[in-house]
Amino acid sequence: MTTETAKSKSISNWVIFGQYSNFGTYYFSEPTFGYSYGIFGGAQLFFTKNRRHSLKFSLGYSHYELHGQHDSGLSYLTKDMYSEIFSFGFTYEYIFFMTKRTNIYVILHIADLSYVSEYDYDDNNNKNDSYVLPIPRGSPGIGLEYKTQKRLSFYVELNNLLNASHIPENFSVGLKYDIGKITRNYLKGN
């Protein structure tokens, strides 16, 4: 890590990103039992002059392997199932340690608007249910970003820190590309 502090930017900036997430839990606390993951992409808006505060807007696909409850008429049976989710999410990010190449930040996953499909694991992968669900999250995390080039950076995050027993399993890795200078030059006519 370098210790030289980063210079403040004069205006807001846009960054595009793509990330892979591994899930040890389903939303708040239900543990997953198999390979559960998500693929996300979107845009991040830095809305303060010092570029410490930002909002991330993401579109993504998630796949969760779960032990679900199935209504047999007389009682509930535990049954293996999986959920596929297409979502639009909002996340707040605050950088509390900033250098020219390295940022350490906290995130708060605010909410998702999700289309959820649930399936049984059987010979036909029967679809149990599908629905649209607004999901308030309030899920904190922490991340480390390293700028490899002038506009390109790599980051890792630990997610859902409120569920301490699954901290190593809830993580994300991704890439960011700063398009702010490109859009500013285009708007100025350069």
Foldseek 3Di string as FASTA:
>chain_A
DDQAFDDWAAAKFKKKKKKKKFDQADQAHAGFDDTKIKIKIFMKIQGDRRSFKIKTKIWMKIKTWHFDWDCPPPGTDTATKMKIKTKIWMKIKGFPHGHQFKTKIKMFGAWIWIWMWMFGPDPVRHTDDIDTDIGGHRKMKIKMWGAPDNFKIKMKMQIRVVHVVCRVRTMMIMMMGICGVVVVCVVVVD
